[in-house]
């Protein structure tokens, strides 16, 4: 088997883009969410999580080929204060995340990421939690 840590690769990509844009106050992994939820000081923020690996196709012709769909979820935390209720903060963060990840081909992969959907996770006090999901197809070639 040959798996990749797409969430870690995408986190590094988003962090690198944020070094220039300085839009996000925190870029982290799913392991950082509990602390962010308790503090709610580092907004806006984005946290990356592996979501799913799904085999798409198997071929047993001359060589073994497995096509996988690899999903990653970006969980975003933005302010839900009255000044931000028109959605400007959320739209800005979603656009930044999408522009940083859509079309990017991770190292060692042969296909770029695509956006496949998103939705509201929860509203908690002055915080709004949203997720966007991304997918890429990855071919694994195994010769005898």
Protein backbone atom coordinates (compact mmCIF):
# COMPACT_ATOMS: atom_id res chain seq x y z
CA UNK A 1 0.00 0.00 0.00
CA UNK A 2 1.12 3.52 -0.65
CA UNK A 3 -0.64 6.34 1.17
CA UNK A 4 0.15 10.05 1.42
CA UNK A 5 -0.52 12.61 4.14
CA UNK A 6 -2.45 15.01 1.90
CA UNK A 7 -3.57 17.05 4.91
CA UNK A 8 0.06 17.73 5.92
CA UNK A 9 1.05 18.64 2.36
CA UNK A 10 -1.95 20.96 2.00
CA UNK A 11 -1.27 22.51 5.42
CA UNK A 12 2.29 23.34 4.34
CA UNK A 13 0.98 24.80 1.06
CA UNK A 14 -1.60 26.96 2.87
CA UNK A 15 0.94 28.07 5.48
CA UNK A 16 3.38 29.06 2.73
CA UNK A 17 0.70 31.10 0.92
CA UNK A 18 -0.27 32.72 4.23
CA UNK A 19 3.32 33.89 4.82
CA UNK A 20 2.75 36.28 1.91
CA UNK A 21 -0.96 37.11 2.33
CA UNK A 22 -1.02 37.27 6.13
CA UNK A 23 -4.79 36.70 6.08
CA UNK A 24 -4.94 33.85 8.59
CA UNK A 25 -3.79 34.20 12.16
CA UNK A 26 -3.34 30.44 12.46
CA UNK A 27 -2.85 27.52 10.07
CA UNK A 28 -2.82 24.14 11.75
CA UNK A 29 -3.92 20.55 11.80
CA UNK A 30 -7.06 18.98 13.17
CA UNK A 31 -5.10 18.39 16.41
CA UNK A 32 -5.06 22.18 17.00
CA UNK A 33 -8.86 22.63 16.92
CA UNK A 34 -9.57 22.00 20.63
CA UNK A 35 -7.20 24.77 21.72
CA UNK A 36 -8.55 27.14 19.07
CA UNK A 37 -12.11 26.46 20.17
CA UNK A 38 -11.27 27.19 23.81
CA UNK A 39 -9.32 30.38 23.07
CA UNK A 40 -11.12 31.69 19.97
CA UNK A 41 -8.49 34.42 19.78
CA UNK A 42 -6.67 33.41 16.60
CA UNK A 43 -9.36 34.22 14.03
CA UNK A 44 -9.46 33.78 11.16
CA UNK A 45 -7.85 30.35 11.16
CA UNK A 46 -7.74 27.19 9.05
CA UNK A 47 -7.18 23.61 10.18
CA UNK A 48 -6.56 20.69 7.84
CA UNK A 49 -7.79 17.17 8.34
CA UNK A 50 -7.59 13.99 6.32
CA UNK A 51 -11.12 13.10 5.29
CA UNK A 52 -11.19 9.95 3.18
CA UNK A 53 -9.24 7.74 0.79
CA UNK A 54 -11.37 5.84 -1.69
CA UNK A 55 -10.22 3.43 -4.40
CA UNK A 56 -11.54 4.50 -7.77
CA UNK A 57 -10.21 1.91 -10.18
CA UNK A 58 -8.01 -1.16 -10.27
CA UNK A 59 -6.24 -2.38 -13.40
CA UNK A 60 -4.40 -5.67 -13.63
CA UNK A 61 -3.12 -5.41 -17.23
CA UNK A 62 0.66 -5.23 -17.76
CA UNK A 63 1.22 -3.60 -14.40
CA UNK A 64 -0.90 -3.11 -11.34
CA UNK A 65 -2.49 0.34 -11.28
CA UNK A 66 -4.70 1.67 -8.54
CA UNK A 67 -6.43 5.05 -8.84
CA UNK A 68 -7.46 6.54 -5.51
CA UNK A 69 -9.51 9.57 -4.63
CA UNK A 70 -7.85 11.32 -1.69
CA UNK A 71 -9.94 13.87 0.23
CA UNK A 72 -8.84 16.61 2.62
CA UNK A 73 -11.06 18.89 4.70
CA UNK A 74 -10.20 22.47 5.59
CA UNK A 75 -12.02 23.64 8.70
CA UNK A 76 -12.20 27.42 8.95
CA UNK A 77 -12.82 29.54 12.02
CA UNK A 78 -13.97 33.11 11.46
CA UNK A 79 -15.51 35.84 13.57
CA UNK A 80 -19.28 35.89 13.96
CA UNK A 81 -19.38 39.33 15.56
CA UNK A 82 -22.03 41.81 14.31
CA UNK A 83 -19.50 43.67 12.14
CA UNK A 84 -18.71 40.40 10.33
CA UNK A 85 -22.25 39.03 9.93
CA UNK A 86 -22.49 39.97 6.26
CA UNK A 87 -20.15 37.07 5.57
CA UNK A 88 -17.16 39.11 4.44
CA UNK A 89 -14.69 37.35 6.73
CA UNK A 90 -15.90 33.89 5.73
CA UNK A 91 -15.88 34.70 2.01
CA UNK A 92 -12.36 36.15 2.24
CA UNK A 93 -11.01 33.06 4.03
CA UNK A 94 -12.80 30.61 1.71
CA UNK A 95 -11.50 32.44 -1.37
CA UNK A 96 -7.95 32.44 0.02
CA UNK A 97 -8.07 28.73 0.87
CA UNK A 98 -9.58 27.86 -2.52
CA UNK A 99 -7.10 29.96 -4.48
CA UNK A 100 -4.22 28.37 -2.52
CA UNK A 101 -5.32 24.76 -3.02
CA UNK A 102 -7.47 24.37 -6.16
CA UNK A 103 -5.28 23.45 -9.13
CA UNK A 104 -2.22 22.76 -6.94
CA UNK A 105 -0.56 19.38 -7.51
CA UNK A 106 1.04 18.06 -4.32
CA UNK A 107 4.60 16.71 -4.51
CA UNK A 108 4.67 13.08 -5.59
CA UNK A 109 1.19 13.26 -7.06
CA UNK A 110 -0.01 13.41 -10.63
CA UNK A 111 -3.30 15.30 -10.33
CA UNK A 112 -4.30 18.70 -8.89
CA UNK A 113 -6.79 19.33 -6.09
CA UNK A 114 -10.40 20.21 -6.83
CA UNK A 115 -13.05 21.73 -4.57
CA UNK A 116 -15.96 19.33 -3.97
CA UNK A 117 -18.15 21.14 -1.46
CA UNK A 118 -18.44 22.84 1.87
CA UNK A 119 -20.84 23.69 4.63
CA UNK A 120 -21.54 25.17 8.02
CA UNK A 121 -20.24 23.14 10.93
CA UNK A 122 -21.49 25.30 13.81
CA UNK A 123 -21.90 28.76 15.24
CA UNK A 124 -20.57 29.13 18.76
CA UNK A 125 -20.72 32.54 20.41
CA UNK A 126 -18.52 34.91 18.42
CA UNK A 127 -17.18 32.12 16.19
CA UNK A 128 -18.42 30.58 12.97
CA UNK A 129 -16.99 27.20 11.90
CA UNK A 130 -17.12 26.26 8.21
CA UNK A 131 -15.58 23.47 6.16
CA UNK A 132 -14.56 23.10 2.52
CA UNK A 133 -13.57 19.72 1.10
CA UNK A 134 -11.02 19.08 -1.64
CA UNK A 135 -10.17 15.96 -3.60
CA UNK A 136 -7.48 14.74 -5.96
CA UNK A 137 -7.00 11.58 -7.93
CA UNK A 138 -3.76 9.73 -7.33
CA UNK A 139 -2.51 6.83 -9.41
CA UNK A 140 -0.30 4.22 -7.79
CA UNK A 141 1.74 2.03 -10.15
CA UNK A 142 3.14 -1.22 -8.83
CA UNK A 143 5.28 -3.43 -11.06
CA UNK A 144 6.04 -7.07 -10.36
